[in-house]
Amino acid sequence: MVNNNQDQPEASGSRLHLHPPHTPPQGPQQIRTNGINNFTQAHVHIDQMLMRNEDDNHLATQRQHINSLKRKVSAAELDNTAITERNERLQAELELARQETRSANERAEQAVRLRVEAEEACGEVQADLDRSGDRVRALEAEVEERDGKMEVLTEERDEWRAKFEELATKVQEAAAICQNKGKGEARA
């Protein structure tokens, strides 16, 4: 029977002898102990190597994860840069659109003002035209009235001319009579 425990007594013949812990075993016990120790050390060494391998695998996995995260961060930074550039471009376009809107609103307000002014001016012109039309109609009425007076005056003038001609004829007849009388008296 093999005893793997170093602290337990070993039977050799009829006597038991104990090996104190500080005294290394001698003979076959030493070989056995060295083998166990070597096996244990190998096992520990293998465990350490496995742990190191696991640590290395874990570190490699972490490195891969870190590299993946770095790539993702780089991609995110590129995306962020693109988004920032696009945002700046959109902000510039928005500001341009706002300026165009303000300009269009100012032009529209100016057009409304001009339209109101034009309507007011048109109203004033229409009022002037209405006043001018009233004045023209008043002048036409006055002209008609004067034409009527002129017709009356023309008729009166024609009557006076007829009377004058009649009187002139009578005067000529009277003058002729007088002349004839004068010639007749002169002959007589």
N, C-alpha and C. Protein backbone atom coordinates (compact mmCIF):
# COMPACT_ATOMS: atom_id res chain seq x y z
N MET A 1 0.83 -1.16 0.00
CA MET A 1 0.00 0.00 0.00
C MET A 1 0.87 1.23 0.00
N VAL A 2 0.54 2.22 -0.82
CA VAL A 2 1.35 3.43 -0.95
C VAL A 2 0.67 4.52 -0.18
N ASN A 3 1.43 5.14 0.62
CA ASN A 3 0.89 6.23 1.42
C ASN A 3 1.33 7.53 0.77
N ASN A 4 0.39 8.32 0.38
CA ASN A 4 0.69 9.60 -0.26
C ASN A 4 0.85 10.71 0.75
N ASN A 5 0.53 10.44 1.96
CA ASN A 5 0.61 11.47 2.98
C ASN A 5 1.95 11.39 3.64
N GLN A 6 2.75 12.41 3.63
CA GLN A 6 4.09 12.41 4.19
C GLN A 6 4.07 12.47 5.70
N ASP A 7 3.05 12.99 6.28
CA ASP A 7 3.02 13.17 7.72
C ASP A 7 2.67 11.89 8.45
N GLN A 8 2.18 10.88 7.78
CA GLN A 8 1.76 9.64 8.46
C GLN A 8 2.94 8.69 8.57
N PRO A 9 2.93 7.87 9.66
CA PRO A 9 4.05 6.95 9.85
C PRO A 9 4.06 5.88 8.79
N GLU A 10 5.26 5.39 8.51
CA GLU A 10 5.42 4.36 7.50
C GLU A 10 5.84 3.06 8.20
N ALA A 11 5.20 1.97 7.81
CA ALA A 11 5.53 0.68 8.45
C ALA A 11 6.69 0.06 7.73
N SER A 12 7.82 -0.24 8.45
CA SER A 12 8.93 -0.92 7.81
C SER A 12 9.33 -2.05 8.76
N GLY A 13 8.97 -3.18 8.31
CA GLY A 13 9.18 -4.35 9.16
C GLY A 13 8.21 -4.31 10.33
N SER A 14 8.75 -4.53 11.51
CA SER A 14 7.86 -4.53 12.66
C SER A 14 7.86 -3.18 13.35
N ARG A 15 8.71 -2.32 12.93
CA ARG A 15 8.78 -1.05 13.64
C ARG A 15 8.19 0.07 12.83
N LEU A 16 7.67 0.95 13.53
CA LEU A 16 7.19 2.18 12.90
C LEU A 16 8.28 3.22 13.05
N HIS A 17 8.54 3.89 11.98
CA HIS A 17 9.37 5.04 12.27
C HIS A 17 8.82 6.26 11.55
N LEU A 18 8.96 7.25 12.31
CA LEU A 18 8.36 8.51 11.88
C LEU A 18 9.44 9.41 11.31
N HIS A 19 9.08 10.08 10.30
CA HIS A 19 10.01 11.08 9.75
C HIS A 19 9.49 12.44 10.17
N PRO A 20 10.32 13.11 10.88
CA PRO A 20 9.85 14.46 11.23
C PRO A 20 9.71 15.30 9.96
N PRO A 21 8.83 16.29 10.01
CA PRO A 21 8.59 17.11 8.82
C PRO A 21 9.84 17.83 8.33
N HIS A 22 10.76 18.12 9.19
CA HIS A 22 11.93 18.87 8.75
C HIS A 22 13.01 17.97 8.17
N THR A 23 12.87 16.70 8.33
CA THR A 23 13.86 15.77 7.81
C THR A 23 13.32 15.20 6.51
N PRO A 24 14.06 15.33 5.40
CA PRO A 24 13.56 14.78 4.16
C PRO A 24 13.59 13.27 4.19
N PRO A 25 12.61 12.61 3.56
CA PRO A 25 12.56 11.17 3.57
C PRO A 25 13.74 10.60 2.80
N GLN A 26 14.10 9.40 3.13
CA GLN A 26 15.23 8.73 2.51
C GLN A 26 14.75 7.50 1.76
N GLY A 27 15.45 7.09 0.74
CA GLY A 27 15.20 5.84 0.05
C GLY A 27 13.98 5.90 -0.85
N PRO A 28 13.19 4.74 -0.87
CA PRO A 28 12.04 4.67 -1.77
C PRO A 28 11.01 5.74 -1.45
N GLN A 29 10.93 6.09 -0.20
CA GLN A 29 9.98 7.14 0.19
C GLN A 29 10.34 8.44 -0.51
N GLN A 30 11.61 8.70 -0.60
CA GLN A 30 12.04 9.93 -1.23
C GLN A 30 11.66 9.94 -2.70
N ILE A 31 11.83 8.82 -3.38
CA ILE A 31 11.48 8.73 -4.79
C ILE A 31 9.99 8.97 -4.96
N ARG A 32 9.24 8.26 -4.09
CA ARG A 32 7.79 8.46 -4.15
C ARG A 32 7.43 9.91 -3.90
N THR A 33 8.02 10.48 -2.87
CA THR A 33 7.72 11.87 -2.51
C THR A 33 8.14 12.80 -3.63
N ASN A 34 9.32 12.56 -4.17
CA ASN A 34 9.78 13.40 -5.28
C ASN A 34 8.85 13.27 -6.48
N GLY A 35 8.39 12.06 -6.75
CA GLY A 35 7.46 11.85 -7.87
C GLY A 35 6.15 12.59 -7.64
N ILE A 36 5.68 12.46 -6.40
CA ILE A 36 4.43 13.18 -6.08
C ILE A 36 4.65 14.67 -6.18
N ASN A 37 5.77 15.08 -5.61
CA ASN A 37 6.07 16.52 -5.67
C ASN A 37 6.21 16.97 -7.12
N ASN A 38 6.92 16.16 -7.92
CA ASN A 38 7.08 16.51 -9.33
C ASN A 38 5.73 16.55 -10.04
N PHE A 39 4.91 15.54 -9.73
CA PHE A 39 3.58 15.51 -10.34
C PHE A 39 2.77 16.73 -9.90
N THR A 40 2.83 17.00 -8.59
CA THR A 40 2.09 18.16 -8.07
C THR A 40 2.62 19.43 -8.69
N GLN A 41 3.95 19.53 -8.76
CA GLN A 41 4.52 20.71 -9.37
C GLN A 41 4.14 20.80 -10.85
N ALA A 42 4.15 19.69 -11.52
CA ALA A 42 3.76 19.68 -12.93
C ALA A 42 2.29 20.09 -13.06
N HIS A 43 1.50 19.52 -12.16
CA HIS A 43 0.08 19.86 -12.19
C HIS A 43 -0.11 21.36 -11.92
N VAL A 44 0.61 21.85 -10.90
CA VAL A 44 0.53 23.29 -10.59
C VAL A 44 1.04 24.09 -11.77
N HIS A 45 2.15 23.61 -12.36
CA HIS A 45 2.72 24.30 -13.51
C HIS A 45 1.72 24.31 -14.68
N ILE A 46 1.07 23.17 -14.90
CA ILE A 46 0.05 23.09 -15.96
C ILE A 46 -1.10 24.01 -15.63
N ASP A 47 -1.53 23.98 -14.35
CA ASP A 47 -2.61 24.88 -13.95
C ASP A 47 -2.21 26.34 -14.18
N GLN A 48 -0.96 26.66 -13.81
CA GLN A 48 -0.50 28.02 -14.02
C GLN A 48 -0.46 28.36 -15.51
N MET A 49 0.02 27.40 -16.30
CA MET A 49 0.06 27.64 -17.75
C MET A 49 -1.36 27.78 -18.31
N LEU A 50 -2.25 26.91 -17.81
CA LEU A 50 -3.64 27.03 -18.26
C LEU A 50 -4.22 28.37 -17.86
N MET A 51 -3.91 28.76 -16.60
CA MET A 51 -4.41 30.06 -16.15
C MET A 51 -3.80 31.18 -16.97
N ARG A 52 -2.46 31.04 -17.25
CA ARG A 52 -1.84 32.04 -18.10
C ARG A 52 -2.45 32.02 -19.49
N ASN A 53 -2.70 30.82 -19.99
CA ASN A 53 -3.33 30.68 -21.30
C ASN A 53 -4.73 31.30 -21.28
N GLU A 54 -5.46 31.00 -20.19
CA GLU A 54 -6.79 31.61 -20.06
C GLU A 54 -6.66 33.12 -19.96
N ASP A 55 -5.65 33.57 -19.15
CA ASP A 55 -5.42 35.01 -19.06
C ASP A 55 -5.05 35.58 -20.42
N ASP A 56 -4.14 34.85 -21.13
CA ASP A 56 -3.76 35.32 -22.47
C ASP A 56 -4.97 35.34 -23.40
N ASN A 57 -5.78 34.26 -23.34
CA ASN A 57 -7.00 34.23 -24.16
C ASN A 57 -7.94 35.37 -23.77
N HIS A 58 -8.05 35.57 -22.44
CA HIS A 58 -8.92 36.66 -21.96
C HIS A 58 -8.37 38.01 -22.42
N LEU A 59 -7.02 38.17 -22.29
CA LEU A 59 -6.40 39.42 -22.76
C LEU A 59 -6.58 39.58 -24.26
N ALA A 60 -6.41 38.48 -25.00
CA ALA A 60 -6.59 38.54 -26.46
C ALA A 60 -8.03 38.91 -26.79
N THR A 61 -8.96 38.29 -26.05
CA THR A 61 -10.38 38.61 -26.26
C THR A 61 -10.63 40.08 -25.92
N GLN A 62 -10.01 40.51 -24.79
CA GLN A 62 -10.19 41.91 -24.41
C GLN A 62 -9.56 42.83 -25.44
N ARG A 63 -8.36 42.44 -25.94
CA ARG A 63 -7.72 43.25 -26.98
C ARG A 63 -8.60 43.32 -28.23
N GLN A 64 -9.14 42.16 -28.61
CA GLN A 64 -10.04 42.14 -29.77
C GLN A 64 -11.25 43.03 -29.50
N HIS A 65 -11.79 42.93 -28.29
CA HIS A 65 -12.95 43.75 -27.93
C HIS A 65 -12.57 45.23 -27.94
N ILE A 66 -11.37 45.52 -27.35
CA ILE A 66 -10.90 46.91 -27.33
C ILE A 66 -10.68 47.40 -28.76
N ASN A 67 -10.04 46.57 -29.60
CA ASN A 67 -9.82 46.97 -31.00
C ASN A 67 -11.15 47.16 -31.71
N SER A 68 -12.09 46.27 -31.44
CA SER A 68 -13.43 46.41 -32.03
C SER A 68 -14.07 47.71 -31.56
N LEU A 69 -13.93 47.97 -30.25
CA LEU A 69 -14.48 49.23 -29.72
C LEU A 69 -13.77 50.43 -30.33
N LYS A 70 -12.42 50.32 -30.51
CA LYS A 70 -11.69 51.42 -31.14
C LYS A 70 -12.19 51.66 -32.55
N ARG A 71 -12.39 50.54 -33.30
CA ARG A 71 -12.93 50.69 -34.66
C ARG A 71 -14.31 51.34 -34.63
N LYS A 72 -15.12 50.87 -33.65
CA LYS A 72 -16.47 51.46 -33.54
C LYS A 72 -16.39 52.93 -33.17
N VAL A 73 -15.44 53.27 -32.25
CA VAL A 73 -15.27 54.68 -31.87
C VAL A 73 -14.80 55.49 -33.07
N SER A 74 -13.84 54.93 -33.84
CA SER A 74 -13.36 55.62 -35.04
C SER A 74 -14.50 55.82 -36.03
N ALA A 75 -15.28 54.76 -36.22
CA ALA A 75 -16.43 54.87 -37.13
C ALA A 75 -17.43 55.88 -36.59
N ALA A 76 -17.64 55.84 -35.27
CA ALA A 76 -18.58 56.80 -34.67
C ALA A 76 -18.06 58.22 -34.79
N GLU A 77 -16.72 58.38 -34.62
CA GLU A 77 -16.13 59.71 -34.80
C GLU A 77 -16.29 60.18 -36.23
N LEU A 78 -16.07 59.26 -37.19
CA LEU A 78 -16.28 59.62 -38.60
C LEU A 78 -17.74 59.99 -38.84
N ASP A 79 -18.64 59.15 -38.28
CA ASP A 79 -20.07 59.45 -38.41
C ASP A 79 -20.38 60.78 -37.76
N ASN A 80 -19.80 61.00 -36.57
CA ASN A 80 -20.04 62.25 -35.85
C ASN A 80 -19.52 63.43 -36.65
N THR A 81 -18.33 63.26 -37.25
CA THR A 81 -17.77 64.32 -38.09
C THR A 81 -18.69 64.59 -39.28
N ALA A 82 -19.14 63.52 -39.92
CA ALA A 82 -20.05 63.67 -41.06
C ALA A 82 -21.35 64.33 -40.61
N ILE A 83 -21.85 63.90 -39.46
CA ILE A 83 -23.10 64.49 -38.95
C ILE A 83 -22.89 65.96 -38.61
N THR A 84 -21.73 66.27 -37.99
CA THR A 84 -21.43 67.66 -37.65
C THR A 84 -21.33 68.50 -38.91
N GLU A 85 -20.62 67.97 -39.93
CA GLU A 85 -20.50 68.71 -41.19
C GLU A 85 -21.86 68.89 -41.83
N ARG A 86 -22.66 67.83 -41.82
CA ARG A 86 -24.01 67.93 -42.40
C ARG A 86 -24.85 68.92 -41.60
N ASN A 87 -24.73 68.88 -40.27
CA ASN A 87 -25.47 69.80 -39.42
C ASN A 87 -25.06 71.24 -39.72
N GLU A 88 -23.74 71.46 -39.86
CA GLU A 88 -23.26 72.80 -40.20
C GLU A 88 -23.79 73.24 -41.56
N ARG A 89 -23.76 72.31 -42.53
CA ARG A 89 -24.28 72.62 -43.87
C ARG A 89 -25.78 72.94 -43.79
N LEU A 90 -26.51 72.11 -43.02
CA LEU A 90 -27.95 72.36 -42.87
C LEU A 90 -28.22 73.67 -42.15
N GLN A 91 -27.37 73.98 -41.14
CA GLN A 91 -27.52 75.25 -40.43
C GLN A 91 -27.30 76.41 -41.40
N ALA A 92 -26.27 76.29 -42.25
CA ALA A 92 -26.01 77.34 -43.24
C ALA A 92 -27.17 77.46 -44.21
N GLU A 93 -27.69 76.30 -44.68
CA GLU A 93 -28.85 76.32 -45.58
C GLU A 93 -30.07 76.92 -44.89
N LEU A 94 -30.24 76.58 -43.61
CA LEU A 94 -31.36 77.12 -42.84
C LEU A 94 -31.24 78.62 -42.71
N GLU A 95 -30.02 79.11 -42.41
CA GLU A 95 -29.81 80.55 -42.28
C GLU A 95 -30.06 81.24 -43.62
N LEU A 96 -29.58 80.62 -44.71
CA LEU A 96 -29.83 81.17 -46.04
C LEU A 96 -31.32 81.21 -46.33
N ALA A 97 -32.03 80.12 -45.99
CA ALA A 97 -33.48 80.08 -46.20
C ALA A 97 -34.17 81.14 -45.36
N ARG A 98 -33.68 81.34 -44.11
CA ARG A 98 -34.26 82.39 -43.27
C ARG A 98 -34.04 83.76 -43.89
N GLN A 99 -32.82 84.00 -44.40
CA GLN A 99 -32.53 85.28 -45.04
C GLN A 99 -33.42 85.47 -46.26
N GLU A 100 -33.56 84.41 -47.06
CA GLU A 100 -34.42 84.49 -48.25
C GLU A 100 -35.86 84.74 -47.84
N THR A 101 -36.29 84.09 -46.75
CA THR A 101 -37.66 84.29 -46.26
C THR A 101 -37.84 85.72 -45.79
N ARG A 102 -36.83 86.24 -45.02
CA ARG A 102 -36.92 87.63 -44.57
C ARG A 102 -36.97 88.57 -45.76
N SER A 103 -36.10 88.30 -46.75
CA SER A 103 -36.06 89.13 -47.94
C SER A 103 -37.39 89.07 -48.69
N ALA A 104 -37.93 87.85 -48.83
CA ALA A 104 -39.23 87.68 -49.50
C ALA A 104 -40.33 88.39 -48.72
N ASN A 105 -40.28 88.29 -47.39
CA ASN A 105 -41.28 88.97 -46.57
C ASN A 105 -41.17 90.48 -46.72
N GLU A 106 -39.91 90.97 -46.74
CA GLU A 106 -39.72 92.41 -46.92
C GLU A 106 -40.24 92.85 -48.29
N ARG A 107 -39.95 92.03 -49.33
CA ARG A 107 -40.46 92.38 -50.67
C ARG A 107 -41.98 92.33 -50.69
N ALA A 108 -42.55 91.33 -50.01
CA ALA A 108 -44.02 91.22 -49.96
C ALA A 108 -44.61 92.41 -49.22
N GLU A 109 -43.97 92.80 -48.09
CA GLU A 109 -44.46 93.96 -47.35
C GLU A 109 -44.34 95.22 -48.20
N GLN A 110 -43.20 95.34 -48.92
CA GLN A 110 -43.02 96.49 -49.79
C GLN A 110 -44.06 96.47 -50.91
N ALA A 111 -44.33 95.29 -51.46
CA ALA A 111 -45.35 95.18 -52.51
C ALA A 111 -46.72 95.58 -51.97
N VAL A 112 -47.01 95.15 -50.74
CA VAL A 112 -48.30 95.52 -50.13
C VAL A 112 -48.35 97.03 -49.93
N ARG A 113 -47.23 97.61 -49.41
CA ARG A 113 -47.20 99.07 -49.23
C ARG A 113 -47.39 99.78 -50.56
N LEU A 114 -46.65 99.29 -51.59
CA LEU A 114 -46.78 99.92 -52.90
C LEU A 114 -48.19 99.77 -53.45
N ARG A 115 -48.78 98.60 -53.20
CA ARG A 115 -50.15 98.39 -53.68
C ARG A 115 -51.11 99.33 -52.97
N VAL A 116 -50.93 99.46 -51.63
CA VAL A 116 -51.79 100.38 -50.88
C VAL A 116 -51.59 101.80 -51.38
N GLU A 117 -50.29 102.18 -51.57
CA GLU A 117 -50.01 103.52 -52.08
C GLU A 117 -50.62 103.70 -53.47
N ALA A 118 -50.49 102.66 -54.32
CA ALA A 118 -51.06 102.74 -55.67
C ALA A 118 -52.57 102.86 -55.61
N GLU A 119 -53.19 102.07 -54.70
CA GLU A 119 -54.65 102.16 -54.56
C GLU A 119 -55.05 103.54 -54.06
N GLU A 120 -54.26 104.07 -53.10
CA GLU A 120 -54.56 105.42 -52.61
C GLU A 120 -54.39 106.44 -53.73
N ALA A 121 -53.26 106.31 -54.48
CA ALA A 121 -53.02 107.22 -55.60
C ALA A 121 -54.10 107.06 -56.65
N CYS A 122 -54.49 105.81 -56.90
CA CYS A 122 -55.55 105.54 -57.88
C CYS A 122 -56.85 106.18 -57.40
N GLY A 123 -57.11 106.05 -56.09
CA GLY A 123 -58.31 106.67 -55.53
C GLY A 123 -58.26 108.18 -55.68
N GLU A 124 -57.05 108.74 -55.42
CA GLU A 124 -56.91 110.19 -55.58
C GLU A 124 -57.09 110.59 -57.04
N VAL A 125 -56.48 109.80 -57.94
CA VAL A 125 -56.63 110.09 -59.38
C VAL A 125 -58.10 109.97 -59.78
N GLN A 126 -58.77 108.92 -59.26
CA GLN A 126 -60.19 108.75 -59.58
C GLN A 126 -61.00 109.93 -59.05
N ALA A 127 -60.65 110.36 -57.83
CA ALA A 127 -61.34 111.53 -57.27
C ALA A 127 -61.07 112.76 -58.13
N ASP A 128 -59.79 112.91 -58.57
CA ASP A 128 -59.46 114.03 -59.46
C ASP A 128 -60.23 113.91 -60.77
N LEU A 129 -60.30 112.67 -61.31
CA LEU A 129 -61.07 112.46 -62.54
C LEU A 129 -62.54 112.79 -62.33
N ASP A 130 -63.06 112.34 -61.19
CA ASP A 130 -64.47 112.64 -60.90
C ASP A 130 -64.68 114.15 -60.80
N ARG A 131 -63.75 114.84 -60.10
CA ARG A 131 -63.87 116.30 -60.00
C ARG A 131 -63.71 116.95 -61.37
N SER A 132 -62.74 116.41 -62.16
CA SER A 132 -62.55 116.94 -63.51
C SER A 132 -63.79 116.69 -64.36
N GLY A 133 -64.36 115.48 -64.22
CA GLY A 133 -65.59 115.17 -64.96
C GLY A 133 -66.72 116.11 -64.55
N ASP A 134 -66.82 116.35 -63.23
CA ASP A 134 -67.84 117.29 -62.76
C ASP A 134 -67.59 118.68 -63.35
N ARG A 135 -66.31 119.09 -63.34
CA ARG A 135 -65.95 120.40 -63.88
C ARG A 135 -66.25 120.46 -65.38
N VAL A 136 -65.89 119.36 -66.09
CA VAL A 136 -66.17 119.31 -67.54
C VAL A 136 -67.66 119.41 -67.79
N ARG A 137 -68.43 118.64 -67.00
CA ARG A 137 -69.89 118.70 -67.18
C ARG A 137 -70.43 120.10 -66.85
N ALA A 138 -69.84 120.72 -65.81
CA ALA A 138 -70.27 122.08 -65.47
C ALA A 138 -69.92 123.04 -66.60
N LEU A 139 -68.70 122.87 -67.15
CA LEU A 139 -68.29 123.74 -68.27
C LEU A 139 -69.16 123.48 -69.50
N GLU A 140 -69.47 122.19 -69.74
CA GLU A 140 -70.35 121.88 -70.87
C GLU A 140 -71.71 122.53 -70.68
N ALA A 141 -72.21 122.47 -69.45
CA ALA A 141 -73.50 123.11 -69.18
C ALA A 141 -73.40 124.61 -69.38
N GLU A 142 -72.26 125.17 -68.91
CA GLU A 142 -72.05 126.62 -69.08
C GLU A 142 -71.96 126.98 -70.55
N VAL A 143 -71.23 126.11 -71.32
CA VAL A 143 -71.10 126.34 -72.76
C VAL A 143 -72.47 126.27 -73.42
N GLU A 144 -73.26 125.25 -73.01
CA GLU A 144 -74.61 125.14 -73.59
C GLU A 144 -75.43 126.38 -73.24
N GLU A 145 -75.26 126.82 -71.99
CA GLU A 145 -76.01 128.03 -71.59
C GLU A 145 -75.55 129.22 -72.41
N ARG A 146 -74.24 129.35 -72.60
CA ARG A 146 -73.73 130.47 -73.38
C ARG A 146 -74.13 130.32 -74.85
N ASP A 147 -74.10 129.03 -75.32
CA ASP A 147 -74.56 128.82 -76.70
C ASP A 147 -76.01 129.29 -76.83
N GLY A 148 -76.80 128.95 -75.80
CA GLY A 148 -78.20 129.40 -75.83
C GLY A 148 -78.27 130.92 -75.85
N LYS A 149 -77.44 131.56 -75.01
CA LYS A 149 -77.42 133.03 -74.98
C LYS A 149 -76.92 133.58 -76.31
N MET A 150 -75.89 132.87 -76.88
CA MET A 150 -75.36 133.32 -78.16
C MET A 150 -76.43 133.21 -79.25
N GLU A 151 -77.20 132.15 -79.19
CA GLU A 151 -78.29 132.01 -80.17
C GLU A 151 -79.27 133.17 -80.01
N VAL A 152 -79.59 133.46 -78.75
CA VAL A 152 -80.51 134.58 -78.50
C VAL A 152 -79.89 135.87 -79.01
N LEU A 153 -78.59 136.07 -78.66
CA LEU A 153 -77.91 137.29 -79.10
C LEU A 153 -77.80 137.33 -80.62
N THR A 154 -77.56 136.15 -81.23
CA THR A 154 -77.48 136.09 -82.69
C THR A 154 -78.83 136.44 -83.30
N GLU A 155 -79.87 135.89 -82.69
CA GLU A 155 -81.22 136.22 -83.19
C GLU A 155 -81.48 137.71 -83.02
N GLU A 156 -81.09 138.25 -81.84
CA GLU A 156 -81.29 139.69 -81.62
C GLU A 156 -80.45 140.49 -82.61
N ARG A 157 -79.20 140.03 -82.82
CA ARG A 157 -78.34 140.72 -83.77
C ARG A 157 -78.95 140.68 -85.16
N ASP A 158 -79.45 139.48 -85.53
CA ASP A 158 -80.07 139.36 -86.84
C ASP A 158 -81.28 140.28 -86.95
N GLU A 159 -82.04 140.34 -85.85
CA GLU A 159 -83.20 141.25 -85.86
C GLU A 159 -82.73 142.70 -85.98
N TRP A 160 -81.71 143.08 -85.22
CA TRP A 160 -81.19 144.44 -85.29
C TRP A 160 -80.60 144.72 -86.67
N ARG A 161 -79.94 143.73 -87.23
CA ARG A 161 -79.37 143.91 -88.56
C ARG A 161 -80.50 144.11 -89.57
N ALA A 162 -81.54 143.26 -89.42
CA ALA A 162 -82.69 143.41 -90.34
C ALA A 162 -83.30 144.79 -90.17
N LYS A 163 -83.45 145.24 -88.92
CA LYS A 163 -84.01 146.58 -88.67
C LYS A 163 -83.07 147.65 -89.23
N PHE A 164 -81.72 147.42 -89.00
CA PHE A 164 -80.76 148.38 -89.49
C PHE A 164 -80.81 148.45 -91.02
N GLU A 165 -80.88 147.27 -91.64
CA GLU A 165 -80.96 147.24 -93.10
C GLU A 165 -82.25 147.92 -93.57
N GLU A 166 -83.29 147.64 -92.83
CA GLU A 166 -84.58 148.26 -93.17
C GLU A 166 -84.48 149.78 -93.03
N LEU A 167 -83.85 150.20 -91.92
CA LEU A 167 -83.68 151.64 -91.72
C LEU A 167 -82.74 152.22 -92.77
N ALA A 168 -81.69 151.46 -93.07
CA ALA A 168 -80.73 151.94 -94.07
C ALA A 168 -81.44 152.08 -95.42
N THR A 169 -82.30 151.14 -95.71
CA THR A 169 -83.05 151.22 -96.96
C THR A 169 -83.95 152.44 -96.93
N LYS A 170 -84.61 152.66 -95.81
CA LYS A 170 -85.49 153.82 -95.68
C LYS A 170 -84.69 155.11 -95.78
N VAL A 171 -83.49 155.08 -95.14
CA VAL A 171 -82.65 156.29 -95.20
C VAL A 171 -82.23 156.52 -96.65
N GLN A 172 -81.88 155.47 -97.35
CA GLN A 172 -81.47 155.62 -98.74
C GLN A 172 -82.65 156.12 -99.58
N GLU A 173 -83.81 155.56 -99.28
CA GLU A 173 -84.99 156.01 -100.03
C GLU A 173 -85.27 157.48 -99.72
N ALA A 174 -85.14 157.80 -98.42
CA ALA A 174 -85.40 159.18 -98.03
C ALA A 174 -84.35 160.09 -98.66
N ALA A 175 -83.12 159.63 -98.69
CA ALA A 175 -82.06 160.44 -99.28
C ALA A 175 -82.32 160.59 -100.78
N ALA A 176 -82.76 159.51 -101.37
CA ALA A 176 -83.05 159.59 -102.79
C ALA A 176 -84.21 160.54 -103.02
N ILE A 177 -85.20 160.48 -102.15
CA ILE A 177 -86.34 161.38 -102.28
C ILE A 177 -85.86 162.81 -102.11
N CYS A 178 -85.02 162.97 -101.07
CA CYS A 178 -84.51 164.31 -100.81
C CYS A 178 -83.67 164.79 -102.00
N GLN A 179 -82.93 163.94 -102.51
CA GLN A 179 -82.09 164.30 -103.62
C GLN A 179 -82.98 164.62 -104.83
N ASN A 180 -83.93 163.81 -104.99
CA ASN A 180 -84.83 164.03 -106.11
C ASN A 180 -85.59 165.33 -105.89
N LYS A 181 -85.99 165.60 -104.69
CA LYS A 181 -86.69 166.84 -104.40
C LYS A 181 -85.76 168.02 -104.63
N GLY A 182 -84.55 167.80 -104.22
CA GLY A 182 -83.59 168.89 -104.39
C GLY A 182 -83.33 169.16 -105.87
N LYS A 183 -83.34 168.21 -106.67
CA LYS A 183 -83.11 168.37 -108.08
C LYS A 183 -84.36 168.98 -108.71
N GLY A 184 -85.45 168.55 -108.14
CA GLY A 184 -86.71 169.06 -108.68
C GLY A 184 -86.88 170.51 -108.30
N GLU A 185 -86.52 170.93 -107.21
CA GLU A 185 -86.62 172.32 -106.80
C GLU A 185 -85.59 173.13 -107.56
N ALA A 186 -84.53 172.51 -107.78
CA ALA A 186 -83.50 173.23 -108.49
C ALA A 186 -83.92 173.42 -109.93
N ARG A 187 -84.70 172.67 -110.48
CA ARG A 187 -85.15 172.81 -111.85
C ARG A 187 -86.33 173.75 -111.88
N ALA A 188 -86.94 173.83 -110.86
CA ALA A 188 -88.14 174.63 -110.91
C ALA A 188 -87.85 176.02 -110.55
